PDB file of N, CA and C in Angstrom:
ATOM      1  N   MET A   1     -18.375 -18.300  -9.033  1.00  0.00           N
ATOM      2  CA  MET A   1     -17.035 -18.337  -8.461  1.00  0.00           C
ATOM      3  C   MET A   1     -16.384 -16.956  -8.492  1.00  0.00           C
ATOM      4  N   ALA A   2     -16.631 -16.200  -9.540  1.00  0.00           N
ATOM      5  CA  ALA A   2     -16.003 -14.880  -9.625  1.00  0.00           C
ATOM      6  C   ALA A   2     -16.611 -13.914  -8.608  1.00  0.00           C
ATOM      7  N   ALA A   3     -17.862 -14.167  -8.215  1.00  0.00           N
ATOM      8  CA  ALA A   3     -18.530 -13.245  -7.297  1.00  0.00           C
ATOM      9  C   ALA A   3     -17.913 -13.290  -5.900  1.00  0.00           C
ATOM     10  N   ASN A   4     -17.498 -14.452  -5.430  1.00  0.00           N
ATOM     11  CA  ASN A   4     -16.922 -14.526  -4.090  1.00  0.00           C
ATOM     12  C   ASN A   4     -15.400 -14.449  -4.106  1.00  0.00           C
ATOM     13  N   GLY A   5     -14.795 -14.306  -5.281  1.00  0.00           N
ATOM     14  CA  GLY A   5     -13.357 -14.093  -5.368  1.00  0.00           C
ATOM     15  C   GLY A   5     -12.513 -15.348  -5.344  1.00  0.00           C
ATOM     16  N   SER A   6     -13.130 -16.508  -5.344  1.00  0.00           N
ATOM     17  CA  SER A   6     -12.337 -17.732  -5.259  1.00  0.00           C
ATOM     18  C   SER A   6     -11.643 -18.065  -6.574  1.00  0.00           C
ATOM     19  N   ALA A   7     -12.120 -17.499  -7.685  1.00  0.00           N
ATOM     20  CA  ALA A   7     -11.522 -17.807  -8.982  1.00  0.00           C
ATOM     21  C   ALA A   7     -10.360 -16.874  -9.314  1.00  0.00           C
ATOM     22  N   LEU A   8     -10.188 -15.817  -8.535  1.00  0.00           N
ATOM     23  CA  LEU A   8      -9.117 -14.871  -8.820  1.00  0.00           C
ATOM     24  C   LEU A   8      -7.793 -15.396  -8.295  1.00  0.00           C
ATOM     25  N   GLN A   9      -6.788 -15.352  -9.132  1.00  0.00           N
ATOM     26  CA  GLN A   9      -5.443 -15.703  -8.711  1.00  0.00           C
ATOM     27  C   GLN A   9      -4.675 -14.397  -8.532  1.00  0.00           C
ATOM     28  N   TRP A  10      -4.477 -14.005  -7.283  1.00  0.00           N
ATOM     29  CA  TRP A  10      -3.938 -12.684  -6.995  1.00  0.00           C
ATOM     30  C   TRP A  10      -2.498 -12.524  -7.456  1.00  0.00           C
ATOM     31  N   GLY A  11      -1.759 -13.604  -7.553  1.00  0.00           N
ATOM     32  CA  GLY A  11      -0.408 -13.512  -8.090  1.00  0.00           C
ATOM     33  C   GLY A  11      -0.415 -13.078  -9.549  1.00  0.00           C
ATOM     34  N   THR A  12      -1.359 -13.628 -10.297  1.00  0.00           N
ATOM     35  CA  THR A  12      -1.487 -13.260 -11.712  1.00  0.00           C
ATOM     36  C   THR A  12      -1.966 -11.828 -11.859  1.00  0.00           C
ATOM     37  N   VAL A  13      -2.922 -11.428 -11.046  1.00  0.00           N
ATOM     38  CA  VAL A  13      -3.425 -10.050 -11.084  1.00  0.00           C
ATOM     39  C   VAL A  13      -2.307  -9.073 -10.760  1.00  0.00           C
ATOM     40  N   ARG A  14      -1.495  -9.397  -9.765  1.00  0.00           N
ATOM     41  CA  ARG A  14      -0.378  -8.532  -9.384  1.00  0.00           C
ATOM     42  C   ARG A  14       0.644  -8.432 -10.509  1.00  0.00           C
ATOM     43  N   SER A  15       0.935  -9.548 -11.160  1.00  0.00           N
ATOM     44  CA  SER A  15       1.891  -9.544 -12.271  1.00  0.00           C
ATOM     45  C   SER A  15       1.390  -8.705 -13.441  1.00  0.00           C
ATOM     46  N   LEU A  16       0.128  -8.841 -13.759  1.00  0.00           N
ATOM     47  CA  LEU A  16      -0.445  -8.054 -14.855  1.00  0.00           C
ATOM     48  C   LEU A  16      -0.433  -6.564 -14.533  1.00  0.00           C
ATOM     49  N   THR A  17      -0.765  -6.212 -13.305  1.00  0.00           N
ATOM     50  CA  THR A  17      -0.764  -4.807 -12.905  1.00  0.00           C
ATOM     51  C   THR A  17       0.639  -4.226 -12.967  1.00  0.00           C
ATOM     52  N   LEU A  18       1.599  -4.966 -12.465  1.00  0.00           N
ATOM     53  CA  LEU A  18       2.983  -4.505 -12.498  1.00  0.00           C
ATOM     54  C   LEU A  18       3.458  -4.347 -13.941  1.00  0.00           C
ATOM     55  N   ALA A  19       3.082  -5.252 -14.808  1.00  0.00           N
ATOM     56  CA  ALA A  19       3.465  -5.158 -16.217  1.00  0.00           C
ATOM     57  C   ALA A  19       2.862  -3.915 -16.865  1.00  0.00           C
ATOM     58  N   TRP A  20       1.606  -3.603 -16.560  1.00  0.00           N
ATOM     59  CA  TRP A  20       0.961  -2.414 -17.111  1.00  0.00           C
ATOM     60  C   TRP A  20       1.643  -1.145 -16.614  1.00  0.00           C
ATOM     61  N   ILE A  21       2.020  -1.132 -15.357  1.00  0.00           N
ATOM     62  CA  ILE A  21       2.634   0.069 -14.779  1.00  0.00           C
ATOM     63  C   ILE A  21       4.042   0.274 -15.321  1.00  0.00           C
ATOM     64  N   LEU A  22       4.802  -0.792 -15.484  1.00  0.00           N
ATOM     65  CA  LEU A  22       6.208  -0.664 -15.872  1.00  0.00           C
ATOM     66  C   LEU A  22       6.442  -0.549 -17.376  1.00  0.00           C
ATOM     67  N   THR A  23       5.457  -0.868 -18.187  1.00  0.00           N
ATOM     68  CA  THR A  23       5.661  -0.876 -19.628  1.00  0.00           C
ATOM     69  C   THR A  23       6.039   0.499 -20.162  1.00  0.00           C
ATOM     70  N   LEU A  24       5.320   1.534 -19.787  1.00  0.00           N
ATOM     71  CA  LEU A  24       5.583   2.865 -20.321  1.00  0.00           C
ATOM     72  C   LEU A  24       6.940   3.419 -19.889  1.00  0.00           C
ATOM     73  N   PRO A  25       7.304   3.416 -18.609  1.00  0.00           N
ATOM     74  CA  PRO A  25       8.621   3.938 -18.239  1.00  0.00           C
ATOM     75  C   PRO A  25       9.780   3.167 -18.862  1.00  0.00           C
ATOM     76  N   VAL A  26       9.667   1.855 -18.936  1.00  0.00           N
ATOM     77  CA  VAL A  26      10.744   1.059 -19.525  1.00  0.00           C
ATOM     78  C   VAL A  26      10.876   1.370 -21.011  1.00  0.00           C
ATOM     79  N   SER A  27       9.771   1.522 -21.713  1.00  0.00           N
ATOM     80  CA  SER A  27       9.846   1.839 -23.137  1.00  0.00           C
ATOM     81  C   SER A  27      10.402   3.236 -23.371  1.00  0.00           C
ATOM     82  N   ILE A  28      10.103   4.182 -22.489  1.00  0.00           N
ATOM     83  CA  ILE A  28      10.665   5.521 -22.613  1.00  0.00           C
ATOM     84  C   ILE A  28      12.169   5.488 -22.420  1.00  0.00           C
ATOM     85  N   VAL A  29      12.631   4.798 -21.405  1.00  0.00           N
ATOM     86  CA  VAL A  29      14.073   4.712 -21.140  1.00  0.00           C
ATOM     87  C   VAL A  29      14.785   4.001 -22.289  1.00  0.00           C
ATOM     88  N   LEU A  30      14.225   2.912 -22.765  1.00  0.00           N
ATOM     89  CA  LEU A  30      14.852   2.163 -23.846  1.00  0.00           C
ATOM     90  C   LEU A  30      14.915   2.981 -25.135  1.00  0.00           C
ATOM     91  N   SER A  31      13.834   3.664 -25.469  1.00  0.00           N
ATOM     92  CA  SER A  31      13.835   4.448 -26.700  1.00  0.00           C
ATOM     93  C   SER A  31      14.785   5.632 -26.615  1.00  0.00           C
ATOM     94  N   SER A  32      14.873   6.280 -25.448  1.00  0.00           N
ATOM     95  CA  SER A  32      15.811   7.396 -25.321  1.00  0.00           C
ATOM     96  C   SER A  32      17.256   6.909 -25.365  1.00  0.00           C
ATOM     97  N   ALA A  33      17.538   5.755 -24.778  1.00  0.00           N
ATOM     98  CA  ALA A  33      18.887   5.208 -24.836  1.00  0.00           C
ATOM     99  C   ALA A  33      19.266   4.860 -26.276  1.00  0.00           C
ATOM    100  N   LEU A  34      18.349   4.250 -27.005  1.00  0.00           N
ATOM    101  CA  LEU A  34      18.628   3.936 -28.403  1.00  0.00           C
ATOM    102  C   LEU A  34      18.785   5.201 -29.236  1.00  0.00           C
ATOM    103  N   PHE A  35      18.008   6.212 -28.940  1.00  0.00           N
ATOM    104  CA  PHE A  35      18.136   7.487 -29.653  1.00  0.00           C
ATOM    105  C   PHE A  35      19.533   8.060 -29.478  1.00  0.00           C
ATOM    106  N   TRP A  36      20.027   8.095 -28.252  1.00  0.00           N
ATOM    107  CA  TRP A  36      21.354   8.663 -28.004  1.00  0.00           C
ATOM    108  C   TRP A  36      22.467   7.803 -28.587  1.00  0.00           C
ATOM    109  N   VAL A  37      22.297   6.495 -28.572  1.00  0.00           N
ATOM    110  CA  VAL A  37      23.290   5.610 -29.172  1.00  0.00           C
ATOM    111  C   VAL A  37      23.353   5.833 -30.680  1.00  0.00           C
ATOM    112  N   PHE A  38      22.207   5.844 -31.344  1.00  0.00           N
ATOM    113  CA  PHE A  38      22.211   6.037 -32.794  1.00  0.00           C
ATOM    114  C   PHE A  38      22.594   7.461 -33.174  1.00  0.00           C
ATOM    115  N   ARG A  39      22.282   8.405 -32.331  1.00  0.00           N
ATOM    116  CA  ARG A  39      22.704   9.777 -32.604  1.00  0.00           C
ATOM    117  C   ARG A  39      24.229   9.904 -32.531  1.00  0.00           C
ATOM    118  N   GLY A  40      24.837   9.173 -31.628  1.00  0.00           N
ATOM    119  CA  GLY A  40      26.301   9.189 -31.532  1.00  0.00           C
ATOM    120  C   GLY A  40      26.965   8.469 -32.695  1.00  0.00           C
ATOM    121  N   ILE A  41      26.304   7.455 -33.210  1.00  0.00           N
ATOM    122  CA  ILE A  41      26.886   6.686 -34.322  1.00  0.00           C
ATOM    123  C   ILE A  41      26.777   7.467 -35.629  1.00  0.00           C
ATOM    124  N   PHE A  42      25.601   8.035 -35.883  1.00  0.00           N
ATOM    125  CA  PHE A  42      25.374   8.722 -37.153  1.00  0.00           C
ATOM    126  C   PHE A  42      25.506  10.186 -36.933  1.00  0.00           C
TER     127      PHE A  42
END
């Protein structure tokens, strides 16, 4: 089934790919925002 592609669910593949691509930029933005917030507090 995997050889002819009938077992692949392209919606799931697309979601996983998007999650892999967006994880790093979102974590960078979140960590920098928290850094500036805590830097302003302390």
